Amino acid sequence: MVGVPTHSAQTSSLSAKERLIVALDVPTVNEAHEIITELGESVVFYKVGLVLQLDPDLRSLFSRLREENKNVFLDFKYIDISATIEGTVRAASLLGIKFITVMGQSHIVKAAAKGRVGHNLKILAVTLLTGMTENDMKKEYNTEISLKEFIKRRAKEASLMGCDGVISSPHEVELIRSVIHKDNFLVVTPGIRRPGAEPDDQKRIASPHDAILKGADYLVVGRPIIRERNKLSATQRIIDEMEAAIASQERLSRSTSLPIPAEVY
């Protein structure tokens, strides 16, 4: 898509390793600790989601991730009245969380932006869950607009209300880039599956390579890593695909920035 940025300015200097977020979607904190130990220095960013929210040892997980200088993405997809959202985001800011998700309704996004302390926490709005199709969306939201139009509206609203970016499937990344023209607007992409892999309950998926080429800033990967017997090898394969896509983007960028030679008569 001509004129659409390939990713935000915030990720232009980051490596593939720094742009991979591993989802700790396991039932217990103990299992999460085992994954972190196995992956070691190969992963620097982890997502903590709803699966772990009731484990009484969750605080110990946050403490370890901070001590090991890992970035934390708190993916609870908050939805509540404005005062509750504002207080929750303020607490997350003080915990040193890097990313937090809220659902994309305008009053929630606005309250989240109001509750942030400092500029380190990035607030991401969920456009539409990657487990939903267009028909699911129309039924759930009682609308006849297209999925693309729905995503565009959610992304625009999130941007206007002070969000730093959105969570959206790889299928909508280029669409979002075409309507949001802020250099630092992030698109964080779940629904990542390697070619030929089972989609599980995800409906709108892409490979790591394709998601990066479409313009995703960060990829959130859970089951394709944490379900593998050799998690380290699975992680490296995904990073390798991301690196190949980043290299392709850089080659394309260099070729399009070269001056056009004058015609010789």
Protein backbone atom coordinates (compact mmCIF):
# COMPACT_ATOMS: atom_id res chain seq x y z
CA MET A 1 0.00 0.00 0.00
CA VAL A 2 1.72 3.16 -1.22
CA GLY A 3 2.25 5.84 1.40
CA VAL A 4 1.36 3.62 4.37
CA PRO A 5 4.16 3.26 6.96
CA THR A 6 5.44 -0.27 7.52
CA HIS A 7 5.50 0.13 11.32
CA SER A 8 5.59 2.86 13.94
CA ALA A 9 8.65 4.99 14.56
CA GLN A 10 8.90 3.45 18.04
CA THR A 11 9.89 0.05 16.66
CA SER A 12 12.14 1.16 13.81
CA SER A 13 15.31 0.52 15.82
CA LEU A 14 14.15 -2.64 17.60
CA SER A 15 15.31 -6.15 16.76
CA ALA A 16 12.96 -9.06 16.05
CA LYS A 17 13.72 -10.42 19.52
CA GLU A 18 12.57 -7.14 21.11
CA ARG A 19 9.37 -7.18 19.06
CA LEU A 20 8.29 -10.67 20.13
CA ILE A 21 5.94 -10.94 23.12
CA VAL A 22 5.52 -14.45 24.53
CA ALA A 23 2.11 -15.04 26.10
CA LEU A 24 2.29 -16.86 29.44
CA ASP A 25 -1.16 -18.40 28.94
CA VAL A 26 -0.68 -21.26 31.39
CA PRO A 27 -2.80 -22.20 34.43
CA THR A 28 -0.26 -21.51 37.18
CA VAL A 29 2.53 -19.10 38.01
CA ASN A 30 4.82 -22.08 38.60
CA GLU A 31 4.39 -23.11 34.95
CA ALA A 32 5.04 -19.53 33.87
CA HIS A 33 8.29 -19.54 35.87
CA GLU A 34 9.36 -22.77 34.12
CA ILE A 35 8.77 -21.21 30.69
CA ILE A 36 10.73 -18.08 31.58
CA THR A 37 13.61 -20.21 32.85
CA GLU A 38 13.62 -22.34 29.70
CA LEU A 39 13.53 -19.37 27.33
CA GLY A 40 16.19 -17.45 29.25
CA GLU A 41 17.76 -14.55 27.36
CA SER A 42 15.99 -15.41 24.09
CA VAL A 43 12.83 -13.54 25.20
CA VAL A 44 12.67 -10.05 26.71
CA PHE A 45 8.91 -9.38 26.65
CA TYR A 46 6.12 -11.42 28.27
CA LYS A 47 2.35 -11.15 28.27
CA VAL A 48 0.43 -11.94 31.46
CA GLY A 49 -3.25 -12.55 30.76
CA LEU A 50 -6.49 -13.59 32.41
CA VAL A 51 -5.45 -17.23 32.85
CA LEU A 52 -3.07 -16.26 35.66
CA GLN A 53 -5.10 -13.50 37.31
CA LEU A 54 -6.36 -15.60 40.24
CA ASP A 55 -3.08 -17.32 41.07
CA PRO A 56 -2.06 -16.05 44.54
CA ASP A 57 1.61 -16.04 43.45
CA LEU A 58 1.06 -13.59 40.59
CA ARG A 59 3.00 -10.86 42.42
CA SER A 60 6.05 -13.11 42.54
CA LEU A 61 5.89 -13.41 38.76
CA PHE A 62 5.83 -9.63 38.35
CA SER A 63 8.74 -9.33 40.77
CA ARG A 64 10.83 -11.84 38.85
CA LEU A 65 10.13 -10.24 35.49
CA ARG A 66 11.16 -6.84 36.86
CA GLU A 67 14.32 -8.25 38.45
CA GLU A 68 15.31 -9.87 35.13
CA ASN A 69 14.60 -6.65 33.20
CA LYS A 70 11.80 -8.20 31.17
CA ASN A 71 9.03 -6.06 29.73
CA VAL A 72 5.52 -6.92 30.93
CA PHE A 73 2.32 -6.73 28.91
CA LEU A 74 -0.71 -6.91 31.24
CA ASP A 75 -3.46 -8.22 29.01
CA PHE A 76 -6.61 -8.21 31.13
CA LYS A 77 -8.69 -6.30 28.53
CA TYR A 78 -10.23 -4.09 31.16
CA ILE A 79 -13.87 -3.07 30.81
CA ASP A 80 -15.68 -1.18 33.58
CA ILE A 81 -16.93 2.24 34.63
CA SER A 82 -14.58 5.15 34.06
CA ALA A 83 -13.45 5.59 37.67
CA THR A 84 -12.44 1.93 37.96
CA ILE A 85 -10.52 1.98 34.68
CA GLU A 86 -8.72 5.18 35.66
CA GLY A 87 -7.63 3.71 39.00
CA THR A 88 -6.54 0.42 37.46
CA VAL A 89 -4.34 2.09 34.86
CA ARG A 90 -2.81 4.33 37.53
CA ALA A 91 -1.89 1.23 39.56
CA ALA A 92 -0.38 -0.45 36.49
CA SER A 93 1.72 2.64 35.81
CA LEU A 94 3.21 2.45 39.30
CA LEU A 95 3.98 -1.27 38.87
CA GLY A 96 6.23 -0.60 35.90
CA ILE A 97 4.02 -2.39 33.38
CA LYS A 98 5.01 -1.70 29.74
CA PHE A 99 1.70 -2.42 27.90
CA ILE A 100 -1.87 -2.69 29.16
CA THR A 101 -5.05 -3.49 27.26
CA VAL A 102 -8.51 -2.01 27.60
CA MET A 103 -11.60 -2.69 25.55
CA GLY A 104 -12.22 -0.19 22.78
CA GLN A 105 -15.31 1.68 23.99
CA SER A 106 -14.65 5.41 24.03
CA HIS A 107 -15.37 6.08 27.74
CA ILE A 108 -13.00 3.26 28.73
CA VAL A 109 -10.19 4.46 26.49
CA LYS A 110 -10.57 8.04 27.69
CA ALA A 111 -10.50 7.00 31.36
CA ALA A 112 -7.43 4.81 30.79
CA ALA A 113 -5.52 7.71 29.25
CA LYS A 114 -6.51 9.93 32.19
CA GLY A 115 -5.27 7.38 34.73
CA ARG A 116 -1.78 6.93 33.30
CA VAL A 117 1.12 8.20 35.40
CA GLY A 118 4.14 9.25 33.32
CA HIS A 119 4.77 8.07 29.77
CA ASN A 120 6.28 4.60 30.17
CA LEU A 121 3.00 2.68 30.16
CA LYS A 122 1.50 2.18 26.71
CA ILE A 123 -2.28 1.85 26.59
CA LEU A 124 -3.63 -0.41 23.85
CA ALA A 125 -7.28 -0.64 22.85
CA VAL A 126 -8.75 -3.90 21.58
CA THR A 127 -10.39 -3.36 18.20
CA LEU A 128 -11.99 -6.80 17.76
CA LEU A 129 -10.95 -10.11 19.29
CA THR A 130 -9.08 -12.31 16.82
CA GLY A 131 -11.42 -15.19 17.64
CA MET A 132 -14.30 -13.34 15.94
CA THR A 133 -15.33 -13.28 12.30
CA GLU A 134 -17.31 -10.54 10.55
CA ASN A 135 -20.54 -12.49 11.14
CA ASP A 136 -19.67 -12.84 14.83
CA MET A 137 -19.06 -9.10 15.02
CA LYS A 138 -22.33 -8.19 13.33
CA LYS A 139 -24.30 -10.41 15.67
CA GLU A 140 -22.50 -9.38 18.85
CA TYR A 141 -22.61 -5.64 18.15
CA ASN A 142 -25.96 -5.64 16.35
CA THR A 143 -24.56 -3.85 13.33
CA GLU A 144 -24.51 -4.21 9.55
CA ILE A 145 -21.25 -2.35 8.96
CA SER A 146 -18.32 -4.34 7.59
CA LEU A 147 -15.56 -5.69 9.77
CA LYS A 148 -13.11 -3.31 8.09
CA GLU A 149 -15.28 -0.29 8.84
CA PHE A 150 -15.71 -1.43 12.45
CA ILE A 151 -11.94 -1.76 12.89
CA LYS A 152 -11.31 1.65 11.32
CA ARG A 153 -13.80 3.32 13.66
CA ARG A 154 -12.33 1.64 16.73
CA ALA A 155 -8.76 2.55 15.76
CA LYS A 156 -9.63 6.18 15.00
CA GLU A 157 -11.51 6.54 18.28
CA ALA A 158 -8.66 4.99 20.26
CA SER A 159 -6.20 7.40 18.68
CA LEU A 160 -8.37 10.44 19.35
CA MET A 161 -8.92 9.43 22.99
CA GLY A 162 -5.22 9.16 23.78
CA CYS A 163 -4.39 5.49 23.27
CA ASP A 164 -0.85 4.60 22.22
CA GLY A 165 -2.05 1.89 19.87
CA VAL A 166 -4.37 -1.02 19.31
CA ILE A 167 -4.51 -4.78 19.52
CA SER A 168 -5.69 -6.08 16.18
CA SER A 169 -5.36 -9.11 13.96
CA PRO A 170 -2.68 -9.17 11.25
CA HIS A 171 -5.43 -8.92 8.63
CA GLU A 172 -6.24 -5.34 9.66
CA VAL A 173 -2.76 -3.88 10.20
CA GLU A 174 -2.48 -2.21 6.78
CA LEU A 175 -6.03 -0.90 7.13
CA ILE A 176 -5.18 0.72 10.48
CA ARG A 177 -1.98 2.20 9.09
CA SER A 178 -4.00 3.75 6.25
CA VAL A 179 -6.28 5.71 8.61
CA ILE A 180 -3.96 6.50 11.58
CA HIS A 181 -1.07 8.72 10.56
CA LYS A 182 0.69 9.16 13.90
CA ASP A 183 4.35 8.11 13.75
CA ASN A 184 4.23 6.44 17.17
CA PHE A 185 0.87 4.65 16.96
CA LEU A 186 1.46 0.98 17.80
CA VAL A 187 -0.23 -2.03 16.27
CA VAL A 188 0.26 -5.14 18.42
CA THR A 189 -0.78 -8.34 16.74
CA PRO A 190 -1.99 -11.65 18.17
CA GLY A 191 -3.34 -14.49 16.01
CA ILE A 192 0.16 -15.56 14.95
CA ARG A 193 0.55 -19.07 13.55
CA ARG A 194 3.42 -20.55 11.53
CA PRO A 195 2.48 -21.79 8.02
CA GLY A 196 0.50 -25.02 8.17
CA ALA A 197 -0.17 -24.83 11.91
CA GLU A 198 -3.61 -25.32 13.42
CA PRO A 199 -5.45 -22.01 14.03
CA ASP A 200 -6.98 -23.30 17.30
CA ASP A 201 -9.75 -20.84 18.26
CA GLN A 202 -8.22 -17.95 16.30
CA LYS A 203 -10.12 -16.88 13.19
CA ARG A 204 -8.00 -14.08 11.68
CA ILE A 205 -4.41 -15.32 11.63
CA ALA A 206 -1.10 -14.86 9.78
CA SER A 207 2.46 -16.14 9.92
CA PRO A 208 5.13 -14.17 11.83
CA HIS A 209 6.73 -13.21 8.51
CA ASP A 210 3.50 -11.93 6.97
CA ALA A 211 2.40 -10.05 10.10
CA ILE A 212 5.66 -8.09 10.18
CA LEU A 213 5.46 -7.36 6.43
CA LYS A 214 1.92 -6.02 6.90
CA GLY A 215 3.27 -3.50 9.41
CA ALA A 216 2.79 -5.03 12.88
CA ASP A 217 5.03 -3.52 15.56
CA TYR A 218 4.92 -6.39 18.03
CA LEU A 219 3.76 -10.00 17.70
CA VAL A 220 2.06 -11.76 20.60
CA VAL A 221 2.70 -15.50 20.43
CA GLY A 222 1.38 -18.02 22.92
CA ARG A 223 0.50 -21.58 21.98
CA PRO A 224 2.94 -21.90 19.03
CA ILE A 225 5.69 -21.53 21.66
CA ILE A 226 4.40 -22.63 25.05
CA ARG A 227 2.81 -25.86 23.76
CA GLU A 228 5.99 -27.01 22.05
CA ARG A 229 8.24 -29.62 23.64
CA ASN A 230 11.28 -27.53 22.70
CA LYS A 231 10.10 -24.01 23.42
CA LEU A 232 13.48 -22.45 22.78
CA SER A 233 13.67 -23.83 19.24
CA ALA A 234 10.09 -22.76 18.53
CA THR A 235 10.92 -19.24 19.72
CA GLN A 236 14.02 -19.05 17.55
CA ARG A 237 12.10 -20.17 14.44
CA ILE A 238 9.60 -17.37 14.96
CA ILE A 239 12.34 -14.80 15.56
CA ASP A 240 14.08 -15.99 12.38
CA GLU A 241 10.87 -15.44 10.37
CA MET A 242 10.47 -11.99 11.88
CA GLU A 243 14.10 -11.12 11.10
CA ALA A 244 13.64 -12.16 7.46
CA ALA A 245 10.58 -9.93 7.17
CA ILE A 246 12.36 -6.97 8.81
CA ALA A 247 15.27 -7.41 6.38
CA SER A 248 12.81 -7.42 3.45
CA GLN A 249 11.24 -4.20 4.74
CA GLU A 250 14.65 -2.55 5.04
CA ARG A 251 15.63 -3.57 1.50
CA LEU A 252 12.36 -2.22 0.15
CA SER A 253 12.81 1.03 2.09
CA ARG A 254 16.32 1.51 0.70
CA SER A 255 15.23 0.79 -2.86
CA THR A 256 12.30 3.22 -2.74
CA SER A 257 14.50 5.98 -1.26
CA LEU A 258 17.10 5.83 -4.01
CA PRO A 259 17.07 8.83 -6.38
CA ILE A 260 15.59 8.19 -9.80
CA PRO A 261 18.37 8.54 -12.40
CA ALA A 262 17.86 11.24 -15.02
CA GLU A 263 17.18 9.96 -18.50
CA VAL A 264 20.09 10.19 -20.87
CA TYR A 265 19.31 11.56 -24.33
